[in-house]
Amino acid sequence: MSVIDPVCGIELDKELATTFEHNNRLFYFCCEGCKKLFEKKPKKYSKIW
């Protein structure tokens, strides 16, 4: 199953993604860098998707 990284918009395999939970919702990331950007400003990126 494919998911979209909310920071960079890349489509990736759900099984290979890094995850982070925010407001009871699980977000998937292509790398730790995108995850860290999301952690700093979750409102900015969680509204996109």
C-alpha atoms as a PDB file:
ATOM      1  CA  MET A   1       0.000   0.000   0.000  1.00  0.00           C
ATOM      2  CA  SER A   2       1.282   3.468  -0.879  1.00  0.00           C
ATOM      3  CA  VAL A   3       1.161   6.540   1.339  1.00  0.00           C
ATOM      4  CA  ILE A   4       2.116  10.190   0.818  1.00  0.00           C
ATOM      5  CA  ASP A   5       4.738  12.018   2.883  1.00  0.00           C
ATOM      6  CA  PRO A   6       2.938  15.232   4.019  1.00  0.00           C
ATOM      7  CA  VAL A   7       6.175  17.245   4.049  1.00  0.00           C
ATOM      8  CA  CYS A   8       7.686  16.557   0.622  1.00  0.00           C
ATOM      9  CA  GLY A   9       4.694  14.956  -1.125  1.00  0.00           C
ATOM     10  CA  ILE A  10       6.552  11.833  -2.230  1.00  0.00           C
ATOM     11  CA  GLU A  11       4.612   8.590  -2.607  1.00  0.00           C
ATOM     12  CA  LEU A  12       6.192   5.679  -0.758  1.00  0.00           C
ATOM     13  CA  ASP A  13       5.550   2.137   0.434  1.00  0.00           C
ATOM     14  CA  LYS A  14       3.754   2.165   3.786  1.00  0.00           C
ATOM     15  CA  GLU A  15       5.923  -0.694   5.061  1.00  0.00           C
ATOM     16  CA  LEU A  16       9.155   1.275   4.466  1.00  0.00           C
ATOM     17  CA  ALA A  17       7.977   4.607   5.867  1.00  0.00           C
ATOM     18  CA  THR A  18       8.909   6.300   9.133  1.00  0.00           C
ATOM     19  CA  THR A  19       5.801   7.165  11.162  1.00  0.00           C
ATOM     20  CA  PHE A  20       4.637   9.785  13.645  1.00  0.00           C
ATOM     21  CA  GLU A  21       1.275  10.070  15.399  1.00  0.00           C
ATOM     22  CA  HIS A  22      -0.344  13.491  15.720  1.00  0.00           C
ATOM     23  CA  ASN A  23      -3.903  14.137  16.960  1.00  0.00           C
ATOM     24  CA  ASN A  24      -4.698  10.407  16.858  1.00  0.00           C
ATOM     25  CA  ARG A  25      -3.691  10.243  13.199  1.00  0.00           C
ATOM     26  CA  LEU A  26      -0.692   8.344  11.863  1.00  0.00           C
ATOM     27  CA  PHE A  27       1.508  10.177   9.353  1.00  0.00           C
ATOM     28  CA  TYR A  28       4.108   8.515   7.128  1.00  0.00           C
ATOM     29  CA  PHE A  29       7.467   9.975   6.068  1.00  0.00           C
ATOM     30  CA  CYS A  30      10.166   9.087   3.555  1.00  0.00           C
ATOM     31  CA  CYS A  31      12.976   9.952   5.979  1.00  0.00           C
ATOM     32  CA  GLU A  32      13.811  11.236   9.449  1.00  0.00           C
ATOM     33  CA  GLY A  33      14.388  14.728   8.030  1.00  0.00           C
ATOM     34  CA  CYS A  34      10.792  15.055   6.865  1.00  0.00           C
ATOM     35  CA  LYS A  35       9.550  13.565  10.134  1.00  0.00           C
ATOM     36  CA  LYS A  36      11.539  16.139  12.136  1.00  0.00           C
ATOM     37  CA  LEU A  37      10.178  19.026  10.045  1.00  0.00           C
ATOM     38  CA  PHE A  38       6.660  17.742  10.686  1.00  0.00           C
ATOM     39  CA  GLU A  39       7.313  17.396  14.431  1.00  0.00           C
ATOM     40  CA  LYS A  40       8.400  21.055  14.591  1.00  0.00           C
ATOM     41  CA  LYS A  41       5.370  22.408  12.675  1.00  0.00           C
ATOM     42  CA  PRO A  42       2.631  19.751  12.554  1.00  0.00           C
ATOM     43  CA  LYS A  43      -0.154  22.257  11.851  1.00  0.00           C
ATOM     44  CA  LYS A  44       1.619  23.443   8.712  1.00  0.00           C
ATOM     45  CA  TYR A  45       1.904  19.966   7.196  1.00  0.00           C
ATOM     46  CA  SER A  46      -1.116  18.116   8.595  1.00  0.00           C
ATOM     47  CA  LYS A  47      -3.523  20.553   6.913  1.00  0.00           C
ATOM     48  CA  ILE A  48      -2.087  19.813   3.467  1.00  0.00           C
ATOM     49  CA  TRP A  49      -3.337  16.232   3.466  1.00  0.00           C
END
